[in-house]
Amino acid sequence: MIRFRTKQREEAQVNLTPLIDVVFLLLIFFMVSTTFNKNYEQDITLPQSSSNTVQSDDKKIEIIVDASGKISVNDQTLNKNSENNLKYVLGEMSLPKDTKFYYRADQKSPIESYVLVTQTLASMGYQNLFIVTQQLQE
């Protein structure tokens, strides 16, 4: 009986050194070619009013925003500041399209609240939004 020698099978191995080199070269390329933008805060001066005209109307809706950004509509505070919640509260009031809205906000309130209010009112078809300011003291 003839015995054949069986060759031991060698397991195939992948050399990862060239792959790692290529990955590092790509990383260096993207790091060098990318520009990083820094977000700078802009110093802005909010408008002040020296006018002492006062608007009065029976059909007025006051939208009040505190310093933390919490929105209230005629003393009814929203659970969450979202367009859907504001639309729901205003929709419950069934207001005519010529209703005047008075936006009264704290000086340190976030601008996102103002954007939310204006976008919501515009999407609902309201156009009369007045910003309440404080009389400039000299």
N, C-alpha and C. Protein backbone atom coordinates (compact mmCIF):
# COMPACT_ATOMS: atom_id res chain seq x y z
N MET A 1 0.83 -1.17 0.00
CA MET A 1 0.00 0.00 0.00
C MET A 1 0.89 1.24 0.00
N ILE A 2 0.53 2.13 -0.84
CA ILE A 2 1.33 3.34 -1.00
C ILE A 2 0.65 4.46 -0.20
N ARG A 3 1.47 5.05 0.56
CA ARG A 3 0.95 6.19 1.32
C ARG A 3 1.45 7.48 0.68
N PHE A 4 0.48 8.29 0.42
CA PHE A 4 0.84 9.60 -0.14
C PHE A 4 0.95 10.60 1.00
N ARG A 5 1.93 11.39 0.86
CA ARG A 5 2.06 12.43 1.87
C ARG A 5 1.06 13.55 1.56
N THR A 6 0.33 13.91 2.56
CA THR A 6 -0.61 15.01 2.38
C THR A 6 0.08 16.30 2.78
N LYS A 7 -0.07 17.25 1.93
CA LYS A 7 0.53 18.54 2.24
C LYS A 7 -0.34 19.26 3.25
N GLN A 8 0.30 19.92 4.14
CA GLN A 8 -0.44 20.72 5.10
C GLN A 8 -0.90 21.99 4.39
N ARG A 9 -2.13 22.25 4.58
CA ARG A 9 -2.68 23.46 3.95
C ARG A 9 -2.30 24.68 4.77
N GLU A 10 -1.82 25.65 4.08
CA GLU A 10 -1.50 26.90 4.74
C GLU A 10 -2.73 27.80 4.67
N GLU A 11 -3.00 28.44 5.77
CA GLU A 11 -4.15 29.36 5.79
C GLU A 11 -3.75 30.66 5.11
N ALA A 12 -4.65 31.16 4.34
CA ALA A 12 -4.38 32.41 3.63
C ALA A 12 -4.44 33.56 4.62
N GLN A 13 -3.47 34.41 4.57
CA GLN A 13 -3.43 35.57 5.44
C GLN A 13 -3.38 36.82 4.59
N VAL A 14 -4.07 37.82 5.06
CA VAL A 14 -4.08 39.09 4.35
C VAL A 14 -3.15 40.03 5.10
N ASN A 15 -2.26 40.60 4.39
CA ASN A 15 -1.33 41.54 4.99
C ASN A 15 -2.02 42.90 5.06
N LEU A 16 -2.25 43.40 6.26
CA LEU A 16 -2.98 44.64 6.45
C LEU A 16 -2.09 45.88 6.41
N THR A 17 -0.80 45.71 6.36
CA THR A 17 0.10 46.87 6.40
C THR A 17 -0.14 47.82 5.22
N PRO A 18 -0.26 47.35 3.99
CA PRO A 18 -0.53 48.30 2.89
C PRO A 18 -1.90 48.98 3.03
N LEU A 19 -2.89 48.25 3.55
CA LEU A 19 -4.21 48.84 3.74
C LEU A 19 -4.16 49.96 4.77
N ILE A 20 -3.44 49.74 5.85
CA ILE A 20 -3.32 50.77 6.88
C ILE A 20 -2.58 51.98 6.32
N ASP A 21 -1.56 51.76 5.51
CA ASP A 21 -0.83 52.87 4.89
C ASP A 21 -1.75 53.71 4.02
N VAL A 22 -2.57 53.05 3.22
CA VAL A 22 -3.50 53.77 2.33
C VAL A 22 -4.51 54.57 3.14
N VAL A 23 -5.04 53.99 4.22
CA VAL A 23 -6.02 54.69 5.06
C VAL A 23 -5.39 55.93 5.69
N PHE A 24 -4.16 55.80 6.18
CA PHE A 24 -3.50 56.97 6.76
C PHE A 24 -3.22 58.04 5.72
N LEU A 25 -2.86 57.65 4.52
CA LEU A 25 -2.64 58.64 3.47
C LEU A 25 -3.94 59.37 3.11
N LEU A 26 -5.05 58.63 3.04
CA LEU A 26 -6.34 59.28 2.78
C LEU A 26 -6.72 60.23 3.91
N LEU A 27 -6.49 59.79 5.13
CA LEU A 27 -6.80 60.64 6.29
C LEU A 27 -5.99 61.93 6.25
N ILE A 28 -4.71 61.82 5.96
CA ILE A 28 -3.86 63.01 5.88
C ILE A 28 -4.31 63.91 4.74
N PHE A 29 -4.66 63.31 3.59
CA PHE A 29 -5.12 64.11 2.46
C PHE A 29 -6.36 64.91 2.82
N PHE A 30 -7.36 64.27 3.44
CA PHE A 30 -8.59 64.98 3.77
C PHE A 30 -8.38 66.01 4.87
N MET A 31 -7.48 65.74 5.79
CA MET A 31 -7.20 66.72 6.84
C MET A 31 -6.53 67.97 6.26
N VAL A 32 -5.65 67.78 5.30
CA VAL A 32 -4.94 68.92 4.72
C VAL A 32 -5.85 69.70 3.78
N SER A 33 -6.70 69.02 3.04
CA SER A 33 -7.51 69.72 2.02
C SER A 33 -8.81 70.29 2.58
N THR A 34 -9.20 69.97 3.79
CA THR A 34 -10.45 70.45 4.36
C THR A 34 -10.22 71.76 5.10
N THR A 35 -11.18 72.66 4.96
CA THR A 35 -11.13 73.90 5.73
C THR A 35 -12.17 73.81 6.84
N PHE A 36 -11.79 74.23 8.00
CA PHE A 36 -12.69 74.20 9.14
C PHE A 36 -13.20 75.61 9.38
N ASN A 37 -14.53 75.74 9.41
CA ASN A 37 -15.14 77.04 9.67
C ASN A 37 -15.42 77.17 11.14
N LYS A 38 -15.02 78.28 11.69
CA LYS A 38 -15.32 78.55 13.08
C LYS A 38 -16.58 79.39 13.13
N ASN A 39 -17.47 79.05 14.03
CA ASN A 39 -18.70 79.83 14.18
C ASN A 39 -18.41 81.02 15.09
N TYR A 40 -18.54 82.17 14.54
CA TYR A 40 -18.31 83.38 15.31
C TYR A 40 -19.67 83.98 15.67
N GLU A 41 -19.78 84.43 16.89
CA GLU A 41 -21.00 85.12 17.28
C GLU A 41 -20.90 86.56 16.80
N GLN A 42 -21.99 87.04 16.29
CA GLN A 42 -22.00 88.41 15.82
C GLN A 42 -22.57 89.30 16.91
N ASP A 43 -21.93 90.43 17.10
CA ASP A 43 -22.47 91.40 18.04
C ASP A 43 -23.52 92.21 17.31
N ILE A 44 -24.74 92.11 17.76
CA ILE A 44 -25.82 92.86 17.14
C ILE A 44 -26.47 93.75 18.18
N THR A 45 -26.97 94.85 17.72
CA THR A 45 -27.71 95.76 18.57
C THR A 45 -29.16 95.70 18.16
N LEU A 46 -29.99 95.29 19.07
CA LEU A 46 -31.41 95.20 18.77
C LEU A 46 -32.01 96.58 18.65
N PRO A 47 -33.00 96.74 17.80
CA PRO A 47 -33.60 98.05 17.63
C PRO A 47 -34.33 98.52 18.88
N GLN A 48 -34.23 99.81 19.10
CA GLN A 48 -34.95 100.42 20.21
C GLN A 48 -35.96 101.39 19.64
N SER A 49 -36.98 101.63 20.39
CA SER A 49 -38.03 102.51 19.90
C SER A 49 -38.09 103.76 20.75
N SER A 50 -38.05 104.90 20.09
CA SER A 50 -38.26 106.15 20.80
C SER A 50 -39.68 106.64 20.60
N SER A 51 -40.45 105.88 19.85
CA SER A 51 -41.84 106.22 19.60
C SER A 51 -42.67 105.86 20.82
N ASN A 52 -43.66 106.67 21.09
CA ASN A 52 -44.51 106.36 22.24
C ASN A 52 -45.94 106.07 21.79
N THR A 53 -46.10 105.62 20.55
CA THR A 53 -47.44 105.27 20.09
C THR A 53 -47.83 103.93 20.67
N VAL A 54 -49.06 103.86 21.12
CA VAL A 54 -49.57 102.64 21.75
C VAL A 54 -50.73 102.14 20.92
N GLN A 55 -50.69 100.89 20.53
CA GLN A 55 -51.78 100.28 19.79
C GLN A 55 -52.75 99.67 20.79
N SER A 56 -54.00 99.89 20.57
CA SER A 56 -54.99 99.25 21.42
C SER A 56 -56.07 98.64 20.54
N ASP A 57 -56.48 97.46 20.90
CA ASP A 57 -57.46 96.74 20.12
C ASP A 57 -58.13 95.71 21.01
N ASP A 58 -59.42 95.48 20.77
CA ASP A 58 -60.13 94.50 21.57
C ASP A 58 -59.78 93.08 21.17
N LYS A 59 -59.47 92.87 19.88
CA LYS A 59 -59.17 91.53 19.38
C LYS A 59 -57.66 91.32 19.33
N LYS A 60 -56.97 91.55 20.42
CA LYS A 60 -55.53 91.37 20.37
C LYS A 60 -55.13 90.09 21.09
N ILE A 61 -54.13 89.47 20.54
CA ILE A 61 -53.57 88.25 21.12
C ILE A 61 -52.14 88.56 21.51
N GLU A 62 -51.79 88.34 22.76
CA GLU A 62 -50.43 88.56 23.23
C GLU A 62 -49.66 87.25 23.22
N ILE A 63 -48.53 87.27 22.56
CA ILE A 63 -47.62 86.14 22.55
C ILE A 63 -46.41 86.57 23.38
N ILE A 64 -46.23 85.92 24.51
CA ILE A 64 -45.20 86.32 25.47
C ILE A 64 -44.12 85.24 25.50
N VAL A 65 -42.85 85.67 25.41
CA VAL A 65 -41.71 84.76 25.46
C VAL A 65 -40.82 85.20 26.61
N ASP A 66 -40.53 84.27 27.53
CA ASP A 66 -39.66 84.61 28.65
C ASP A 66 -38.19 84.41 28.26
N ALA A 67 -37.29 84.66 29.20
CA ALA A 67 -35.86 84.61 28.91
C ALA A 67 -35.39 83.21 28.52
N SER A 68 -36.07 82.18 29.00
CA SER A 68 -35.66 80.81 28.65
C SER A 68 -36.25 80.36 27.32
N GLY A 69 -37.14 81.16 26.72
CA GLY A 69 -37.72 80.81 25.43
C GLY A 69 -39.09 80.16 25.51
N LYS A 70 -39.66 80.09 26.71
CA LYS A 70 -40.99 79.48 26.88
C LYS A 70 -42.05 80.43 26.31
N ILE A 71 -42.92 79.90 25.46
CA ILE A 71 -43.92 80.72 24.77
C ILE A 71 -45.27 80.58 25.45
N SER A 72 -45.94 81.73 25.66
CA SER A 72 -47.30 81.76 26.20
C SER A 72 -48.17 82.56 25.25
N VAL A 73 -49.40 82.09 25.07
CA VAL A 73 -50.37 82.79 24.23
C VAL A 73 -51.53 83.18 25.14
N ASN A 74 -51.70 84.49 25.38
CA ASN A 74 -52.73 84.99 26.30
C ASN A 74 -52.74 84.21 27.61
N ASP A 75 -51.59 84.14 28.27
CA ASP A 75 -51.41 83.47 29.57
C ASP A 75 -51.63 81.96 29.52
N GLN A 76 -51.63 81.36 28.36
CA GLN A 76 -51.70 79.91 28.22
C GLN A 76 -50.33 79.44 27.72
N THR A 77 -49.55 78.82 28.61
CA THR A 77 -48.19 78.43 28.29
C THR A 77 -48.18 77.13 27.49
N LEU A 78 -47.37 77.10 26.44
CA LEU A 78 -47.24 75.90 25.62
C LEU A 78 -46.41 74.86 26.38
N ASN A 79 -46.81 73.59 26.26
CA ASN A 79 -46.04 72.52 26.90
C ASN A 79 -44.68 72.37 26.25
N LYS A 80 -44.66 72.47 24.93
CA LYS A 80 -43.42 72.33 24.17
C LYS A 80 -43.44 73.36 23.06
N ASN A 81 -42.32 74.04 22.87
CA ASN A 81 -42.24 75.04 21.80
C ASN A 81 -42.11 74.35 20.46
N SER A 82 -43.23 74.20 19.78
CA SER A 82 -43.20 73.62 18.44
C SER A 82 -44.30 74.28 17.62
N GLU A 83 -44.14 74.19 16.31
CA GLU A 83 -45.11 74.80 15.41
C GLU A 83 -46.48 74.15 15.56
N ASN A 84 -46.51 72.84 15.76
CA ASN A 84 -47.78 72.13 15.91
C ASN A 84 -48.53 72.57 17.17
N ASN A 85 -47.81 72.73 18.29
CA ASN A 85 -48.46 73.17 19.53
C ASN A 85 -49.02 74.58 19.40
N LEU A 86 -48.24 75.47 18.77
CA LEU A 86 -48.71 76.84 18.60
C LEU A 86 -49.90 76.89 17.66
N LYS A 87 -49.87 76.10 16.59
CA LYS A 87 -51.02 76.04 15.67
C LYS A 87 -52.25 75.51 16.38
N TYR A 88 -52.07 74.53 17.25
CA TYR A 88 -53.20 73.96 17.98
C TYR A 88 -53.85 75.00 18.89
N VAL A 89 -53.02 75.72 19.64
CA VAL A 89 -53.55 76.73 20.58
C VAL A 89 -54.26 77.84 19.82
N LEU A 90 -53.65 78.31 18.74
CA LEU A 90 -54.28 79.38 17.95
C LEU A 90 -55.52 78.87 17.22
N GLY A 91 -55.49 77.63 16.79
CA GLY A 91 -56.64 77.05 16.11
C GLY A 91 -57.83 76.89 17.04
N GLU A 92 -57.58 76.60 18.32
CA GLU A 92 -58.65 76.47 19.31
C GLU A 92 -59.37 77.80 19.53
N MET A 93 -58.66 78.91 19.31
CA MET A 93 -59.26 80.23 19.52
C MET A 93 -60.14 80.65 18.36
N SER A 94 -60.04 80.00 17.23
CA SER A 94 -60.78 80.31 16.00
C SER A 94 -60.83 81.82 15.75
N LEU A 95 -59.66 82.36 15.44
CA LEU A 95 -59.48 83.81 15.26
C LEU A 95 -59.69 84.20 13.81
N PRO A 96 -60.23 85.41 13.57
CA PRO A 96 -60.33 85.89 12.19
C PRO A 96 -58.93 86.25 11.66
N LYS A 97 -58.81 86.33 10.36
CA LYS A 97 -57.51 86.57 9.73
C LYS A 97 -56.96 87.97 9.99
N ASP A 98 -57.81 88.91 10.41
CA ASP A 98 -57.33 90.27 10.67
C ASP A 98 -56.96 90.49 12.14
N THR A 99 -56.81 89.42 12.90
CA THR A 99 -56.44 89.53 14.31
C THR A 99 -55.04 90.12 14.44
N LYS A 100 -54.86 90.97 15.44
CA LYS A 100 -53.57 91.57 15.69
C LYS A 100 -52.85 90.78 16.78
N PHE A 101 -51.63 90.40 16.49
CA PHE A 101 -50.81 89.66 17.43
C PHE A 101 -49.71 90.58 17.95
N TYR A 102 -49.53 90.59 19.25
CA TYR A 102 -48.51 91.42 19.88
C TYR A 102 -47.45 90.50 20.47
N TYR A 103 -46.25 90.61 19.94
CA TYR A 103 -45.13 89.77 20.36
C TYR A 103 -44.36 90.52 21.44
N ARG A 104 -44.40 90.00 22.66
CA ARG A 104 -43.72 90.61 23.80
C ARG A 104 -42.69 89.61 24.30
N ALA A 105 -41.42 89.96 24.15
CA ALA A 105 -40.35 89.01 24.50
C ALA A 105 -39.36 89.65 25.45
N ASP A 106 -38.79 88.81 26.28
CA ASP A 106 -37.71 89.23 27.16
C ASP A 106 -36.49 89.58 26.31
N GLN A 107 -35.68 90.48 26.80
CA GLN A 107 -34.51 90.92 26.06
C GLN A 107 -33.54 89.77 25.79
N LYS A 108 -33.51 88.78 26.67
CA LYS A 108 -32.57 87.67 26.52
C LYS A 108 -33.24 86.42 25.95
N SER A 109 -34.41 86.56 25.38
CA SER A 109 -35.08 85.40 24.80
C SER A 109 -34.38 84.98 23.52
N PRO A 110 -34.38 83.69 23.21
CA PRO A 110 -33.70 83.23 21.99
C PRO A 110 -34.45 83.65 20.73
N ILE A 111 -33.70 83.89 19.67
CA ILE A 111 -34.28 84.32 18.41
C ILE A 111 -35.10 83.20 17.77
N GLU A 112 -34.83 81.95 18.16
CA GLU A 112 -35.58 80.82 17.60
C GLU A 112 -37.07 80.93 17.93
N SER A 113 -37.38 81.49 19.08
CA SER A 113 -38.79 81.66 19.46
C SER A 113 -39.48 82.63 18.52
N TYR A 114 -38.80 83.72 18.17
CA TYR A 114 -39.38 84.70 17.26
C TYR A 114 -39.59 84.08 15.88
N VAL A 115 -38.60 83.32 15.42
CA VAL A 115 -38.71 82.67 14.10
C VAL A 115 -39.87 81.68 14.11
N LEU A 116 -40.01 80.92 15.19
CA LEU A 116 -41.10 79.95 15.31
C LEU A 116 -42.46 80.65 15.24
N VAL A 117 -42.60 81.74 15.96
CA VAL A 117 -43.87 82.46 15.99
C VAL A 117 -44.19 83.05 14.61
N THR A 118 -43.21 83.71 13.99
CA THR A 118 -43.49 84.33 12.70
C THR A 118 -43.79 83.31 11.62
N GLN A 119 -43.07 82.19 11.61
CA GLN A 119 -43.34 81.16 10.61
C GLN A 119 -44.72 80.53 10.82
N THR A 120 -45.08 80.31 12.07
CA THR A 120 -46.39 79.70 12.35
C THR A 120 -47.52 80.63 11.94
N LEU A 121 -47.40 81.91 12.31
CA LEU A 121 -48.45 82.87 11.95
C LEU A 121 -48.56 83.01 10.44
N ALA A 122 -47.43 83.04 9.74
CA ALA A 122 -47.46 83.17 8.28
C ALA A 122 -48.08 81.93 7.63
N SER A 123 -47.77 80.76 8.17
CA SER A 123 -48.34 79.54 7.58
C SER A 123 -49.84 79.43 7.83
N MET A 124 -50.32 80.09 8.88
CA MET A 124 -51.76 80.07 9.17
C MET A 124 -52.51 81.20 8.48
N GLY A 125 -51.78 82.10 7.82
CA GLY A 125 -52.42 83.17 7.06
C GLY A 125 -52.59 84.48 7.81
N TYR A 126 -52.02 84.60 9.00
CA TYR A 126 -52.10 85.85 9.76
C TYR A 126 -50.97 86.78 9.34
N GLN A 127 -51.28 88.09 9.27
CA GLN A 127 -50.28 89.03 8.80
C GLN A 127 -50.01 90.18 9.76
N ASN A 128 -50.80 90.33 10.78
CA ASN A 128 -50.65 91.48 11.68
C ASN A 128 -49.89 91.08 12.93
N LEU A 129 -48.57 91.21 12.88
CA LEU A 129 -47.72 90.91 14.03
C LEU A 129 -47.00 92.19 14.43
N PHE A 130 -47.18 92.59 15.66
CA PHE A 130 -46.54 93.79 16.19
C PHE A 130 -45.57 93.38 17.28
N ILE A 131 -44.40 94.01 17.29
CA ILE A 131 -43.40 93.73 18.31
C ILE A 131 -43.50 94.82 19.36
N VAL A 132 -43.71 94.40 20.60
CA VAL A 132 -43.85 95.36 21.70
C VAL A 132 -42.45 95.70 22.20
N THR A 133 -42.14 96.98 22.26
CA THR A 133 -40.85 97.43 22.75
C THR A 133 -41.03 98.29 23.97
N GLN A 134 -39.95 98.52 24.65
CA GLN A 134 -39.98 99.36 25.83
C GLN A 134 -39.54 100.77 25.44
N GLN A 135 -40.15 101.75 26.07
CA GLN A 135 -39.82 103.14 25.79
C GLN A 135 -38.37 103.39 26.13
N LEU A 136 -37.62 103.97 25.21
CA LEU A 136 -36.22 104.27 25.43
C LEU A 136 -36.10 105.37 26.47
N GLN A 137 -35.37 105.07 27.54
CA GLN A 137 -35.20 106.04 28.61
C GLN A 137 -33.88 106.77 28.42
N GLU A 138 -33.96 108.07 28.51
CA GLU A 138 -32.75 108.89 28.28
C GLU A 138 -32.16 109.36 29.57
